[in-house]
PDB file of N, CA and C in Angstrom:
ATOM      1  N   MET A   1       0.846  -1.175   0.000  1.00  0.00           N
ATOM      2  CA  MET A   1       0.000   0.000   0.000  1.00  0.00           C
ATOM      3  C   MET A   1       0.893   1.239   0.000  1.00  0.00           C
ATOM      4  N   SER A   2       0.607   2.181  -0.854  1.00  0.00           N
ATOM      5  CA  SER A   2       1.410   3.400  -0.978  1.00  0.00           C
ATOM      6  C   SER A   2       0.880   4.502  -0.072  1.00  0.00           C
ATOM      7  N   LEU A   3       1.795   5.279   0.464  1.00  0.00           N
ATOM      8  CA  LEU A   3       1.437   6.456   1.239  1.00  0.00           C
ATOM      9  C   LEU A   3       1.616   7.683   0.367  1.00  0.00           C
ATOM     10  N   TYR A   4       0.732   8.636   0.517  1.00  0.00           N
ATOM     11  CA  TYR A   4       0.794   9.883  -0.226  1.00  0.00           C
ATOM     12  C   TYR A   4       0.841  11.030   0.764  1.00  0.00           C
ATOM     13  N   SER A   5       1.464  12.131   0.374  1.00  0.00           N
ATOM     14  CA  SER A   5       1.557  13.322   1.219  1.00  0.00           C
ATOM     15  C   SER A   5       0.407  14.267   0.903  1.00  0.00           C
ATOM     16  N   PHE A   6      -0.159  14.843   1.947  1.00  0.00           N
ATOM     17  CA  PHE A   6      -1.276  15.772   1.814  1.00  0.00           C
ATOM     18  C   PHE A   6      -1.021  17.012   2.643  1.00  0.00           C
ATOM     19  N   ASN A   7      -1.740  18.086   2.310  1.00  0.00           N
ATOM     20  CA  ASN A   7      -1.715  19.323   3.068  1.00  0.00           C
ATOM     21  C   ASN A   7      -3.152  19.745   3.318  1.00  0.00           C
ATOM     22  N   CYS A   8      -3.454  20.083   4.572  1.00  0.00           N
ATOM     23  CA  CYS A   8      -4.788  20.567   4.927  1.00  0.00           C
ATOM     24  C   CYS A   8      -4.873  22.054   4.581  1.00  0.00           C
ATOM     25  N   GLN A   9      -5.840  22.418   3.765  1.00  0.00           N
ATOM     26  CA  GLN A   9      -6.017  23.813   3.362  1.00  0.00           C
ATOM     27  C   GLN A   9      -6.612  24.660   4.486  1.00  0.00           C
ATOM     28  N   ALA A  10      -7.227  24.014   5.478  1.00  0.00           N
ATOM     29  CA  ALA A  10      -7.851  24.748   6.577  1.00  0.00           C
ATOM     30  C   ALA A  10      -6.851  25.153   7.662  1.00  0.00           C
ATOM     31  N   CYS A  11      -5.961  24.206   8.054  1.00  0.00           N
ATOM     32  CA  CYS A  11      -5.047  24.516   9.167  1.00  0.00           C
ATOM     33  C   CYS A  11      -3.572  24.442   8.792  1.00  0.00           C
ATOM     34  N   GLY A  12      -3.257  23.997   7.563  1.00  0.00           N
ATOM     35  CA  GLY A  12      -1.879  23.966   7.096  1.00  0.00           C
ATOM     36  C   GLY A  12      -1.078  22.734   7.494  1.00  0.00           C
ATOM     37  N   THR A  13      -1.716  21.764   8.120  1.00  0.00           N
ATOM     38  CA  THR A  13      -1.017  20.550   8.553  1.00  0.00           C
ATOM     39  C   THR A  13      -0.626  19.682   7.361  1.00  0.00           C
ATOM     40  N   ASP A  14       0.624  19.209   7.359  1.00  0.00           N
ATOM     41  CA  ASP A  14       1.077  18.232   6.371  1.00  0.00           C
ATOM     42  C   ASP A  14       0.970  16.857   7.010  1.00  0.00           C
ATOM     43  N   PHE A  15       0.477  15.879   6.253  1.00  0.00           N
ATOM     44  CA  PHE A  15       0.360  14.522   6.774  1.00  0.00           C
ATOM     45  C   PHE A  15       0.394  13.528   5.634  1.00  0.00           C
ATOM     46  N   GLU A  16       0.593  12.256   5.991  1.00  0.00           N
ATOM     47  CA  GLU A  16       0.614  11.189   5.004  1.00  0.00           C
ATOM     48  C   GLU A  16      -0.559  10.252   5.249  1.00  0.00           C
ATOM     49  N   SER A  17      -1.085   9.691   4.161  1.00  0.00           N
ATOM     50  CA  SER A  17      -2.182   8.745   4.254  1.00  0.00           C
ATOM     51  C   SER A  17      -2.220   7.911   2.984  1.00  0.00           C
ATOM     52  N   SER A  18      -2.841   6.760   3.067  1.00  0.00           N
ATOM     53  CA  SER A  18      -3.029   5.940   1.873  1.00  0.00           C
ATOM     54  C   SER A  18      -4.354   6.352   1.224  1.00  0.00           C
ATOM     55  N   LEU A  19      -4.461   6.125  -0.052  1.00  0.00           N
ATOM     56  CA  LEU A  19      -5.697   6.412  -0.774  1.00  0.00           C
ATOM     57  C   LEU A  19      -6.310   5.094  -1.219  1.00  0.00           C
ATOM     58  N   LYS A  20      -7.535   4.869  -0.855  1.00  0.00           N
ATOM     59  CA  LYS A  20      -8.229   3.665  -1.279  1.00  0.00           C
ATOM     60  C   LYS A  20      -9.523   4.070  -1.973  1.00  0.00           C
ATOM     61  N   GLU A  21      -9.793   3.439  -3.099  1.00  0.00           N
ATOM     62  CA  GLU A  21     -10.999   3.745  -3.853  1.00  0.00           C
ATOM     63  C   GLU A  21     -12.224   3.349  -3.038  1.00  0.00           C
ATOM     64  N   GLY A  22     -13.228   4.199  -3.042  1.00  0.00           N
ATOM     65  CA  GLY A  22     -14.475   3.913  -2.357  1.00  0.00           C
ATOM     66  C   GLY A  22     -14.513   4.329  -0.894  1.00  0.00           C
ATOM     67  N   GLU A  23     -13.403   4.862  -0.367  1.00  0.00           N
ATOM     68  CA  GLU A  23     -13.397   5.324   1.016  1.00  0.00           C
ATOM     69  C   GLU A  23     -14.037   6.702   1.106  1.00  0.00           C
ATOM     70  N   PRO A  24     -14.556   7.050   2.282  1.00  0.00           N
ATOM     71  CA  PRO A  24     -15.089   8.408   2.456  1.00  0.00           C
ATOM     72  C   PRO A  24     -13.989   9.447   2.291  1.00  0.00           C
ATOM     73  N   ALA A  25     -14.382  10.696   2.188  1.00  0.00           N
ATOM     74  CA  ALA A  25     -13.424  11.792   1.986  1.00  0.00           C
ATOM     75  C   ALA A  25     -12.341  11.778   3.058  1.00  0.00           C
ATOM     76  N   LEU A  26     -11.122  12.055   2.633  1.00  0.00           N
ATOM     77  CA  LEU A  26      -9.975  12.106   3.537  1.00  0.00           C
ATOM     78  C   LEU A  26     -10.124  13.308   4.463  1.00  0.00           C
ATOM     79  N   ARG A  27      -9.809  13.117   5.738  1.00  0.00           N
ATOM     80  CA  ARG A  27      -9.914  14.196   6.720  1.00  0.00           C
ATOM     81  C   ARG A  27      -8.553  14.485   7.340  1.00  0.00           C
ATOM     82  N   CYS A  28      -8.331  15.742   7.660  1.00  0.00           N
ATOM     83  CA  CYS A  28      -7.111  16.161   8.342  1.00  0.00           C
ATOM     84  C   CYS A  28      -7.097  15.550   9.744  1.00  0.00           C
ATOM     85  N   PRO A  29      -5.973  14.930  10.143  1.00  0.00           N
ATOM     86  CA  PRO A  29      -5.910  14.329  11.477  1.00  0.00           C
ATOM     87  C   PRO A  29      -5.885  15.359  12.609  1.00  0.00           C
ATOM     88  N   LYS A  30      -5.547  16.618  12.297  1.00  0.00           N
ATOM     89  CA  LYS A  30      -5.470  17.652  13.336  1.00  0.00           C
ATOM     90  C   LYS A  30      -6.812  18.357  13.548  1.00  0.00           C
ATOM     91  N   CYS A  31      -7.419  18.850  12.435  1.00  0.00           N
ATOM     92  CA  CYS A  31      -8.643  19.651  12.593  1.00  0.00           C
ATOM     93  C   CYS A  31      -9.906  18.962  12.071  1.00  0.00           C
ATOM     94  N   GLY A  32      -9.754  17.852  11.323  1.00  0.00           N
ATOM     95  CA  GLY A  32     -10.915  17.123  10.828  1.00  0.00           C
ATOM     96  C   GLY A  32     -11.485  17.652   9.528  1.00  0.00           C
ATOM     97  N   SER A  33     -10.884  18.672   8.952  1.00  0.00           N
ATOM     98  CA  SER A  33     -11.383  19.259   7.707  1.00  0.00           C
ATOM     99  C   SER A  33     -11.220  18.283   6.539  1.00  0.00           C
ATOM    100  N   THR A  34     -12.126  18.355   5.581  1.00  0.00           N
ATOM    101  CA  THR A  34     -12.019  17.551   4.359  1.00  0.00           C
ATOM    102  C   THR A  34     -11.385  18.362   3.230  1.00  0.00           C
ATOM    103  N   LYS A  35     -10.953  19.585   3.519  1.00  0.00           N
ATOM    104  CA  LYS A  35     -10.300  20.438   2.517  1.00  0.00           C
ATOM    105  C   LYS A  35      -8.810  20.118   2.490  1.00  0.00           C
ATOM    106  N   VAL A  36      -8.479  18.942   1.938  1.00  0.00           N
ATOM    107  CA  VAL A  36      -7.085  18.512   1.858  1.00  0.00           C
ATOM    108  C   VAL A  36      -6.669  18.427   0.399  1.00  0.00           C
ATOM    109  N   GLU A  37      -5.381  18.659   0.161  1.00  0.00           N
ATOM    110  CA  GLU A  37      -4.836  18.660  -1.193  1.00  0.00           C
ATOM    111  C   GLU A  37      -3.641  17.713  -1.239  1.00  0.00           C
ATOM    112  N   LYS A  38      -3.591  16.866  -2.269  1.00  0.00           N
ATOM    113  CA  LYS A  38      -2.456  15.962  -2.439  1.00  0.00           C
ATOM    114  C   LYS A  38      -1.252  16.778  -2.888  1.00  0.00           C
ATOM    115  N   LYS A  39      -0.117  16.544  -2.229  1.00  0.00           N
ATOM    116  CA  LYS A  39       1.110  17.260  -2.565  1.00  0.00           C
ATOM    117  C   LYS A  39       1.805  16.544  -3.714  1.00  0.00           C
ATOM    118  N   PRO A  40       2.618  17.261  -4.494  1.00  0.00           N
ATOM    119  CA  PRO A  40       3.346  16.642  -5.606  1.00  0.00           C
ATOM    120  C   PRO A  40       4.269  15.528  -5.116  1.00  0.00           C
ATOM    121  N   SER A  41       4.450  14.543  -5.946  1.00  0.00           N
ATOM    122  CA  SER A  41       5.301  13.401  -5.641  1.00  0.00           C
ATOM    123  C   SER A  41       6.767  13.825  -5.551  1.00  0.00           C
ATOM    124  N   GLY A  42       7.530  13.121  -4.747  1.00  0.00           N
ATOM    125  CA  GLY A  42       8.960  13.368  -4.639  1.00  0.00           C
ATOM    126  C   GLY A  42       9.704  13.021  -5.917  1.00  0.00           C
ATOM    127  N   LEU A  43       9.065  12.298  -6.834  1.00  0.00           N
ATOM    128  CA  LEU A  43       9.695  11.932  -8.097  1.00  0.00           C
ATOM    129  C   LEU A  43       9.738  13.089  -9.087  1.00  0.00           C
ATOM    130  N   ALA A  44       9.057  14.170  -8.789  1.00  0.00           N
ATOM    131  CA  ALA A  44       9.006  15.290  -9.737  1.00  0.00           C
ATOM    132  C   ALA A  44      10.397  15.794 -10.073  1.00  0.00           C
ATOM    133  N   GLY A  45      11.295  15.867  -9.104  1.00  0.00           N
ATOM    134  CA  GLY A  45      12.659  16.327  -9.342  1.00  0.00           C
ATOM    135  C   GLY A  45      13.486  15.328 -10.132  1.00  0.00           C
ATOM    136  N   PHE A  46      13.101  14.081 -10.128  1.00  0.00           N
ATOM    137  CA  PHE A  46      13.830  13.025 -10.829  1.00  0.00           C
ATOM    138  C   PHE A  46      13.779  13.211 -12.337  1.00  0.00           C
ATOM    139  N   PHE A  47      12.763  13.877 -12.835  1.00  0.00           N
ATOM    140  CA  PHE A  47      12.569  14.023 -14.268  1.00  0.00           C
ATOM    141  C   PHE A  47      13.095  15.340 -14.817  1.00  0.00           C
ATOM    142  N   GLN A  48      13.902  16.055 -14.059  1.00  0.00           N
ATOM    143  CA  GLN A  48      14.495  17.291 -14.558  1.00  0.00           C
ATOM    144  C   GLN A  48      15.588  16.965 -15.562  1.00  0.00           C
ATOM    145  N   LYS A  49      15.772  17.839 -16.534  1.00  0.00           N
ATOM    146  CA  LYS A  49      16.820  17.638 -17.525  1.00  0.00           C
ATOM    147  C   LYS A  49      18.144  18.166 -16.996  1.00  0.00           C
ATOM    148  N   GLY A  50      19.214  17.562 -17.438  1.00  0.00           N
ATOM    149  CA  GLY A  50      20.522  18.036 -17.049  1.00  0.00           C
ATOM    150  C   GLY A  50      21.482  16.891 -16.790  1.00  0.00           C
ATOM    151  N   LYS A  51      22.680  17.253 -16.385  1.00  0.00           N
ATOM    152  CA  LYS A  51      23.721  16.264 -16.124  1.00  0.00           C
ATOM    153  C   LYS A  51      23.273  15.288 -15.031  1.00  0.00           C
ATOM    154  N   ASN A  52      23.561  14.013 -15.260  1.00  0.00           N
ATOM    155  CA  ASN A  52      23.213  12.950 -14.315  1.00  0.00           C
ATOM    156  C   ASN A  52      21.718  12.857 -14.053  1.00  0.00           C
ATOM    157  N   SER A  53      20.924  13.108 -15.055  1.00  0.00           N
ATOM    158  CA  SER A  53      19.477  13.061 -14.884  1.00  0.00           C
ATOM    159  C   SER A  53      18.883  11.850 -15.591  1.00  0.00           C
ATOM    160  N   PHE A  54      17.615  11.691 -15.447  1.00  0.00           N
ATOM    161  CA  PHE A  54      16.853  10.614 -16.071  1.00  0.00           C
ATOM    162  C   PHE A  54      17.030  10.624 -17.586  1.00  0.00           C
ATOM    163  N   ASP A  55      17.153  11.811 -18.179  1.00  0.00           N
ATOM    164  CA  ASP A  55      17.324  11.958 -19.632  1.00  0.00           C
ATOM    165  C   ASP A  55      18.497  11.147 -20.168  1.00  0.00           C
ATOM    166  N   GLN A  56      19.568  11.119 -19.425  1.00  0.00           N
ATOM    167  CA  GLN A  56      20.780  10.485 -19.915  1.00  0.00           C
ATOM    168  C   GLN A  56      20.699   8.964 -19.899  1.00  0.00           C
ATOM    169  N   CYS A  57      19.707   8.411 -19.225  1.00  0.00           N
ATOM    170  CA  CYS A  57      19.549   6.959 -19.176  1.00  0.00           C
ATOM    171  C   CYS A  57      18.846   6.415 -20.417  1.00  0.00           C
ATOM    172  N   PHE A  58      18.136   7.259 -21.120  1.00  0.00           N
ATOM    173  CA  PHE A  58      17.330   6.817 -22.251  1.00  0.00           C
ATOM    174  C   PHE A  58      17.536   7.726 -23.452  1.00  0.00           C
ATOM    175  N   SER A  59      17.308   7.178 -24.624  1.00  0.00           N
ATOM    176  CA  SER A  59      17.380   7.969 -25.853  1.00  0.00           C
ATOM    177  C   SER A  59      15.977   8.463 -26.184  1.00  0.00           C
ATOM    178  N   TRP A  60      15.816   9.767 -26.294  1.00  0.00           N
ATOM    179  CA  TRP A  60      14.492  10.361 -26.550  1.00  0.00           C
ATOM    180  C   TRP A  60      14.344  10.758 -28.009  1.00  0.00           C
ATOM    181  N   SER A  61      14.701   9.897 -28.948  1.00  0.00           N
ATOM    182  CA  SER A  61      14.621  10.260 -30.365  1.00  0.00           C
ATOM    183  C   SER A  61      13.248  10.039 -30.929  1.00  0.00           C
TER     184      SER A  61
END
């Protein structure tokens, strides 16, 4: 099961939780708000172009 990072838009708390299809809305563990936003994956930086990057492992022709 994968964990994802979230941020509560109501109180600013960052937290991790798993996402399962069919579950009720995710709630902030601190304030209980359902106004939560999934944060970008840590892999986003992995796909940057440049020296020693993902680009150099593959040919993009």
